[in-house]
């Protein structure tokens, strides 16, 4: 059975986007949307993934520009 979606902030059930709650989806209210945005802006959420040396940006171009 498919579980109803929950608000990621307060865990209340969220109506599907087609039932008039599209303004706040996937949250239950504007308040929960704002709480989530505040958490992102304060850096409380992070996507942590180990980086390999191949994924690191090349600093050669930025160092050349700083030297001039």
N, C-alpha and C. Protein backbone atom coordinates (compact mmCIF):
# COMPACT_ATOMS: atom_id res chain seq x y z
N UNK A 1 0.83 -1.18 0.00
CA UNK A 1 0.00 0.00 0.00
C UNK A 1 0.88 1.25 0.00
N UNK A 2 0.45 2.26 -0.70
CA UNK A 2 1.20 3.50 -0.80
C UNK A 2 0.88 4.38 0.42
N UNK A 3 1.92 4.81 1.09
CA UNK A 3 1.73 5.67 2.25
C UNK A 3 1.47 7.10 1.80
N UNK A 4 0.67 7.85 2.55
CA UNK A 4 0.48 9.26 2.21
C UNK A 4 1.78 10.03 2.45
N UNK A 5 2.01 11.05 1.66
CA UNK A 5 3.21 11.87 1.83
C UNK A 5 3.12 12.65 3.13
N UNK A 6 4.29 12.85 3.74
CA UNK A 6 4.37 13.63 4.97
C UNK A 6 5.19 14.87 4.71
N UNK A 7 4.87 15.92 5.43
CA UNK A 7 5.65 17.15 5.39
C UNK A 7 7.03 16.85 5.97
N UNK A 8 8.10 17.21 5.29
CA UNK A 8 9.44 16.90 5.80
C UNK A 8 9.81 17.68 7.05
N UNK A 9 9.05 18.70 7.39
CA UNK A 9 9.35 19.52 8.57
C UNK A 9 8.56 19.06 9.79
N UNK A 10 7.23 18.95 9.66
CA UNK A 10 6.40 18.64 10.83
C UNK A 10 5.77 17.25 10.79
N UNK A 11 5.95 16.54 9.70
CA UNK A 11 5.45 15.16 9.53
C UNK A 11 3.93 15.05 9.45
N UNK A 12 3.23 16.14 9.20
CA UNK A 12 1.78 16.07 8.98
C UNK A 12 1.54 15.52 7.58
N UNK A 13 0.39 14.86 7.36
CA UNK A 13 0.08 14.38 5.99
C UNK A 13 -0.07 15.56 5.03
N UNK A 14 0.41 15.38 3.83
CA UNK A 14 0.35 16.42 2.80
C UNK A 14 -0.58 15.95 1.70
N UNK A 15 -1.48 16.83 1.29
CA UNK A 15 -2.38 16.51 0.19
C UNK A 15 -1.59 16.45 -1.12
N UNK A 16 -2.01 15.61 -2.04
CA UNK A 16 -1.34 15.60 -3.35
C UNK A 16 -1.43 16.97 -4.00
N UNK A 17 -0.48 17.28 -4.83
CA UNK A 17 -0.40 18.60 -5.46
C UNK A 17 -1.64 18.92 -6.28
N UNK A 18 -2.37 17.91 -6.73
CA UNK A 18 -3.55 18.15 -7.55
C UNK A 18 -4.77 18.54 -6.73
N UNK A 19 -4.71 18.47 -5.41
CA UNK A 19 -5.87 18.76 -4.57
C UNK A 19 -5.80 20.15 -3.94
N UNK A 20 -5.18 21.11 -4.61
CA UNK A 20 -5.20 22.47 -4.13
C UNK A 20 -4.03 22.85 -3.23
N UNK A 21 -3.20 21.93 -2.86
CA UNK A 21 -2.06 22.25 -1.99
C UNK A 21 -0.79 22.46 -2.80
N UNK A 22 -0.92 22.69 -4.09
CA UNK A 22 0.25 22.82 -4.95
C UNK A 22 1.13 24.01 -4.57
N UNK A 23 0.55 25.02 -3.91
CA UNK A 23 1.33 26.19 -3.52
C UNK A 23 2.41 25.84 -2.51
N UNK A 24 2.17 24.83 -1.68
CA UNK A 24 3.09 24.50 -0.61
C UNK A 24 3.80 23.16 -0.81
N UNK A 25 3.41 22.39 -1.79
CA UNK A 25 3.93 21.05 -1.98
C UNK A 25 5.45 21.07 -2.11
N UNK A 26 6.19 20.22 -1.46
CA UNK A 26 5.84 19.04 -0.68
C UNK A 26 5.62 19.30 0.80
N UNK A 27 5.43 20.57 1.17
CA UNK A 27 5.19 20.92 2.57
C UNK A 27 3.71 21.08 2.82
N UNK A 28 3.33 21.09 4.10
CA UNK A 28 1.91 21.20 4.44
C UNK A 28 1.46 22.65 4.50
N UNK A 29 2.38 23.58 4.65
CA UNK A 29 2.00 24.99 4.79
C UNK A 29 3.15 25.89 4.35
N UNK A 30 2.85 27.16 4.21
CA UNK A 30 3.87 28.15 3.88
C UNK A 30 4.90 28.25 5.00
N UNK A 31 4.46 28.10 6.23
CA UNK A 31 5.37 28.15 7.37
C UNK A 31 6.45 27.08 7.26
N UNK A 32 6.05 25.85 6.94
CA UNK A 32 7.02 24.76 6.81
C UNK A 32 7.97 25.00 5.64
N UNK A 33 7.46 25.61 4.56
CA UNK A 33 8.34 25.97 3.44
C UNK A 33 9.40 26.95 3.89
N UNK A 34 8.99 27.96 4.67
CA UNK A 34 9.93 28.97 5.14
C UNK A 34 10.95 28.40 6.13
N UNK A 35 10.51 27.49 6.98
CA UNK A 35 11.43 26.84 7.92
C UNK A 35 12.49 26.07 7.15
N UNK A 36 12.09 25.35 6.11
CA UNK A 36 13.03 24.59 5.30
C UNK A 36 14.02 25.53 4.59
N UNK A 37 13.52 26.62 4.04
CA UNK A 37 14.39 27.58 3.37
C UNK A 37 15.40 28.17 4.34
N UNK A 38 14.97 28.49 5.55
CA UNK A 38 15.87 29.03 6.57
C UNK A 38 16.95 28.02 6.93
N UNK A 39 16.57 26.77 7.05
CA UNK A 39 17.55 25.73 7.36
C UNK A 39 18.60 25.62 6.26
N UNK A 40 18.17 25.67 5.01
CA UNK A 40 19.13 25.62 3.90
C UNK A 40 20.05 26.82 3.94
N UNK A 41 19.48 28.02 4.16
CA UNK A 41 20.30 29.23 4.12
C UNK A 41 21.30 29.29 5.27
N UNK A 42 20.99 28.67 6.39
CA UNK A 42 21.92 28.63 7.52
C UNK A 42 22.92 27.49 7.41
N UNK A 43 22.80 26.66 6.37
CA UNK A 43 23.74 25.57 6.16
C UNK A 43 23.49 24.37 7.04
N UNK A 44 22.27 24.21 7.52
CA UNK A 44 21.97 23.06 8.38
C UNK A 44 21.83 21.77 7.58
N UNK A 45 21.58 21.90 6.29
CA UNK A 45 21.53 20.74 5.42
C UNK A 45 22.83 20.70 4.63
N UNK A 46 23.31 19.52 4.38
CA UNK A 46 24.51 19.39 3.57
C UNK A 46 24.45 18.09 2.79
N UNK A 47 24.91 18.13 1.59
CA UNK A 47 25.04 16.93 0.78
C UNK A 47 26.50 16.52 0.89
N UNK A 48 26.72 15.46 1.62
CA UNK A 48 28.09 15.04 1.89
C UNK A 48 28.40 13.83 1.02
N UNK A 49 29.44 14.00 0.23
CA UNK A 49 29.88 12.93 -0.66
C UNK A 49 31.40 13.02 -0.75
N UNK A 50 32.08 11.94 -0.53
CA UNK A 50 33.53 12.01 -0.65
C UNK A 50 33.95 12.34 -2.08
N UNK A 51 34.93 13.22 -2.21
CA UNK A 51 35.42 13.62 -3.52
C UNK A 51 36.71 12.91 -3.83
N UNK A 52 36.82 12.49 -5.06
CA UNK A 52 38.08 11.91 -5.52
C UNK A 52 38.91 13.05 -6.11
N UNK A 53 40.21 12.89 -6.25
CA UNK A 53 41.04 13.95 -6.85
C UNK A 53 40.57 14.36 -8.24
N UNK A 54 39.95 13.46 -8.97
CA UNK A 54 39.45 13.78 -10.31
C UNK A 54 38.30 14.78 -10.27
N UNK A 55 37.56 14.82 -9.17
CA UNK A 55 36.40 15.70 -9.06
C UNK A 55 36.74 17.09 -8.54
N UNK A 56 37.93 17.31 -8.03
CA UNK A 56 38.32 18.61 -7.50
C UNK A 56 38.52 19.60 -8.64
N UNK A 57 38.08 20.84 -8.43
CA UNK A 57 38.24 21.84 -9.50
C UNK A 57 39.71 22.19 -9.71
N UNK A 58 40.03 22.53 -10.91
CA UNK A 58 41.40 22.93 -11.24
C UNK A 58 41.61 24.36 -10.77
N UNK A 59 42.59 24.59 -9.94
CA UNK A 59 42.87 25.92 -9.42
C UNK A 59 43.90 26.67 -10.26
N UNK A 60 44.44 26.06 -11.28
CA UNK A 60 45.48 26.69 -12.09
C UNK A 60 44.98 27.98 -12.72
N UNK A 61 43.75 27.98 -13.25
CA UNK A 61 43.22 29.17 -13.93
C UNK A 61 42.99 30.30 -12.94
N UNK A 62 42.47 30.01 -11.75
CA UNK A 62 42.19 31.05 -10.78
C UNK A 62 43.48 31.62 -10.20
N UNK A 63 44.50 30.80 -10.04
CA UNK A 63 45.78 31.29 -9.52
C UNK A 63 46.47 32.20 -10.53
N UNK A 64 46.37 31.88 -11.80
CA UNK A 64 46.97 32.73 -12.83
C UNK A 64 46.32 34.11 -12.84
N UNK A 65 45.01 34.17 -12.67
CA UNK A 65 44.29 35.44 -12.67
C UNK A 65 44.65 36.26 -11.44
N UNK A 66 44.89 35.62 -10.30
CA UNK A 66 45.23 36.33 -9.08
C UNK A 66 46.64 36.90 -9.15
N UNK A 67 47.54 36.27 -9.90
CA UNK A 67 48.92 36.72 -9.97
C UNK A 67 49.07 38.01 -10.78
N UNK A 68 48.11 38.30 -11.65
CA UNK A 68 48.22 39.47 -12.52
C UNK A 68 47.85 40.72 -11.85
